[in-house]
C-alpha atoms as a PDB file:
ATOM      1  CA  MET A   1       0.229  36.932  32.815  1.00  0.00           C
ATOM      2  CA  THR A   2       1.394  34.037  30.472  1.00  0.00           C
ATOM      3  CA  MET A   3       0.428  32.775  27.474  1.00  0.00           C
ATOM      4  CA  GLY A   4      -0.125  29.021  27.108  1.00  0.00           C
ATOM      5  CA  THR A   5       0.804  27.198  24.298  1.00  0.00           C
ATOM      6  CA  MET A   6      -1.280  25.872  21.577  1.00  0.00           C
ATOM      7  CA  THR A   7      -0.799  22.624  20.808  1.00  0.00           C
ATOM      8  CA  THR A   8      -1.884  21.041  17.572  1.00  0.00           C
ATOM      9  CA  SER A   9      -2.754  17.540  17.360  1.00  0.00           C
ATOM     10  CA  LYS A  10      -1.350  16.224  13.995  1.00  0.00           C
ATOM     11  CA  LYS A  11      -1.808  13.076  13.333  1.00  0.00           C
ATOM     12  CA  LYS A  12       2.061  10.728  11.927  1.00  0.00           C
ATOM     13  CA  PRO A  13       1.289   9.440   8.705  1.00  0.00           C
ATOM     14  CA  VAL A  14       1.676   5.753   9.038  1.00  0.00           C
ATOM     15  CA  LEU A  15       4.485   4.210   6.857  1.00  0.00           C
ATOM     16  CA  GLY A  16       5.315   1.413   4.558  1.00  0.00           C
ATOM     17  CA  ALA A  17       8.081   0.217   3.079  1.00  0.00           C
ATOM     18  CA  CYS A  18       7.791  -0.455  -1.025  1.00  0.00           C
ATOM     19  CA  PRO A  19       8.830  -4.081  -1.939  1.00  0.00           C
ATOM     20  CA  GLU A  20      10.276  -2.865  -5.296  1.00  0.00           C
ATOM     21  CA  CYS A  21      11.983   0.842  -3.569  1.00  0.00           C
ATOM     22  CA  ASP A  22      12.095   0.469  -0.616  1.00  0.00           C
ATOM     23  CA  ALA A  23      10.905   3.842  -0.729  1.00  0.00           C
ATOM     24  CA  ASN A  24       8.871   4.982   2.401  1.00  0.00           C
ATOM     25  CA  VAL A  25       4.547   5.221   1.869  1.00  0.00           C
ATOM     26  CA  ALA A  26       2.891   7.300   3.616  1.00  0.00           C
ATOM     27  CA  PHE A  27      -0.659   7.358   4.594  1.00  0.00           C
ATOM     28  CA  THR A  28      -1.843  10.519   5.677  1.00  0.00           C
ATOM     29  CA  LYS A  29      -5.114   8.501   6.920  1.00  0.00           C
ATOM     30  CA  THR A  30      -5.390   5.210   8.969  1.00  0.00           C
ATOM     31  CA  PRO A  31      -4.502   2.354   5.680  1.00  0.00           C
ATOM     32  CA  PHE A  32      -6.732  -0.708   5.347  1.00  0.00           C
ATOM     33  CA  LEU A  33      -6.777  -3.938   3.634  1.00  0.00           C
ATOM     34  CA  GLY A  34      -6.944  -3.894  -0.487  1.00  0.00           C
ATOM     35  CA  GLN A  35      -6.172  -0.536  -0.047  1.00  0.00           C
ATOM     36  CA  LYS A  36      -3.999   0.441  -3.880  1.00  0.00           C
ATOM     37  CA  LYS A  37      -1.441   3.643  -2.949  1.00  0.00           C
ATOM     38  CA  ASN A  38       1.530   3.923  -5.864  1.00  0.00           C
ATOM     39  CA  CYS A  39       5.091   4.812  -5.015  1.00  0.00           C
ATOM     40  CA  PRO A  40       6.512   7.868  -4.715  1.00  0.00           C
ATOM     41  CA  GLU A  41       9.944   6.976  -5.549  1.00  0.00           C
ATOM     42  CA  CYS A  42       9.395   4.582  -8.451  1.00  0.00           C
ATOM     43  CA  LEU A  43       5.842   5.107  -8.976  1.00  0.00           C
ATOM     44  CA  SER A  44       5.060   0.529  -8.527  1.00  0.00           C
ATOM     45  CA  GLU A  45       1.542   0.794  -7.725  1.00  0.00           C
ATOM     46  CA  LEU A  46       1.487  -0.781  -4.569  1.00  0.00           C
ATOM     47  CA  GLU A  47      -0.855  -2.591  -2.514  1.00  0.00           C
ATOM     48  CA  VAL A  48      -1.786  -2.921   0.814  1.00  0.00           C
ATOM     49  CA  ILE A  49      -1.803  -6.567   1.936  1.00  0.00           C
ATOM     50  CA  GLY A  50      -1.131  -6.036   5.699  1.00  0.00           C
ATOM     51  CA  LEU A  51      -2.028  -3.349   8.343  1.00  0.00           C
ATOM     52  CA  SER A  52      -0.177  -4.413  12.000  1.00  0.00           C
ATOM     53  CA  PRO A  53       2.837  -3.832  10.952  1.00  0.00           C
ATOM     54  CA  ILE A  54       1.911  -1.701   7.343  1.00  0.00           C
ATOM     55  CA  GLU A  55       2.724  -4.091   4.645  1.00  0.00           C
ATOM     56  CA  LEU A  56       3.090  -3.519   0.645  1.00  0.00           C
ATOM     57  CA  ASP A  57       3.064  -5.794  -2.109  1.00  0.00           C
ATOM     58  CA  TRP A  58       2.619  -4.867  -6.095  1.00  0.00           C
ATOM     59  CA  ALA A  59      -0.862  -4.776  -6.837  1.00  0.00           C
ATOM     60  CA  TYR A  60      -2.066  -7.252  -8.892  1.00  0.00           C
ATOM     61  CA  ASP A  61      -5.159  -6.292 -11.981  1.00  0.00           C
ATOM     62  CA  TYR A  62      -7.418  -9.982 -11.051  1.00  0.00           C
ATOM     63  CA  SER A  63     -10.106  -8.211 -14.173  1.00  0.00           C
ATOM     64  CA  GLY A  64      -8.468 -10.172 -16.927  1.00  0.00           C
ATOM     65  CA  PHE A  65      -8.971 -13.674 -14.580  1.00  0.00           C
ATOM     66  CA  ASP A  66     -11.538 -16.739 -15.292  1.00  0.00           C
ATOM     67  CA  GLY A  67      -9.824 -18.892 -13.317  1.00  0.00           C
ATOM     68  CA  GLU A  68      -9.538 -21.102 -15.916  1.00  0.00           C
ATOM     69  CA  ASP A  69      -6.248 -22.801 -16.923  1.00  0.00           C
ATOM     70  CA  ASP A  70      -4.559 -20.940 -20.478  1.00  0.00           C
ATOM     71  CA  TYR A  71      -3.373 -24.215 -21.655  1.00  0.00           C
ATOM     72  CA  ASP A  72      -4.541 -26.929 -22.329  1.00  0.00           C
ATOM     73  CA  ALA A  73      -4.580 -30.565 -21.079  1.00  0.00           C
ATOM     74  CA  GLU A  74      -3.498 -32.157 -23.811  1.00  0.00           C
ATOM     75  CA  ASP A  75      -0.596 -29.569 -24.491  1.00  0.00           C
ATOM     76  CA  TYR A  76       2.098 -32.173 -21.683  1.00  0.00           C
END
């Protein structure tokens, strides 16, 4: 009697490159636009800005941005 080989279908992680240090940043689940993740090498906070191929950029905190300019027109 021969035994069949049992295979497990593990998905390979999806990789993106850190813009700071060029390290591989792995996603075990399908990434989505706007998803944030830290680089495992330099610990930069990154954000997914493209899906095909995976493109990462530094994550920005827009919570303090109100759309108003921080200068007075009379200053110029």
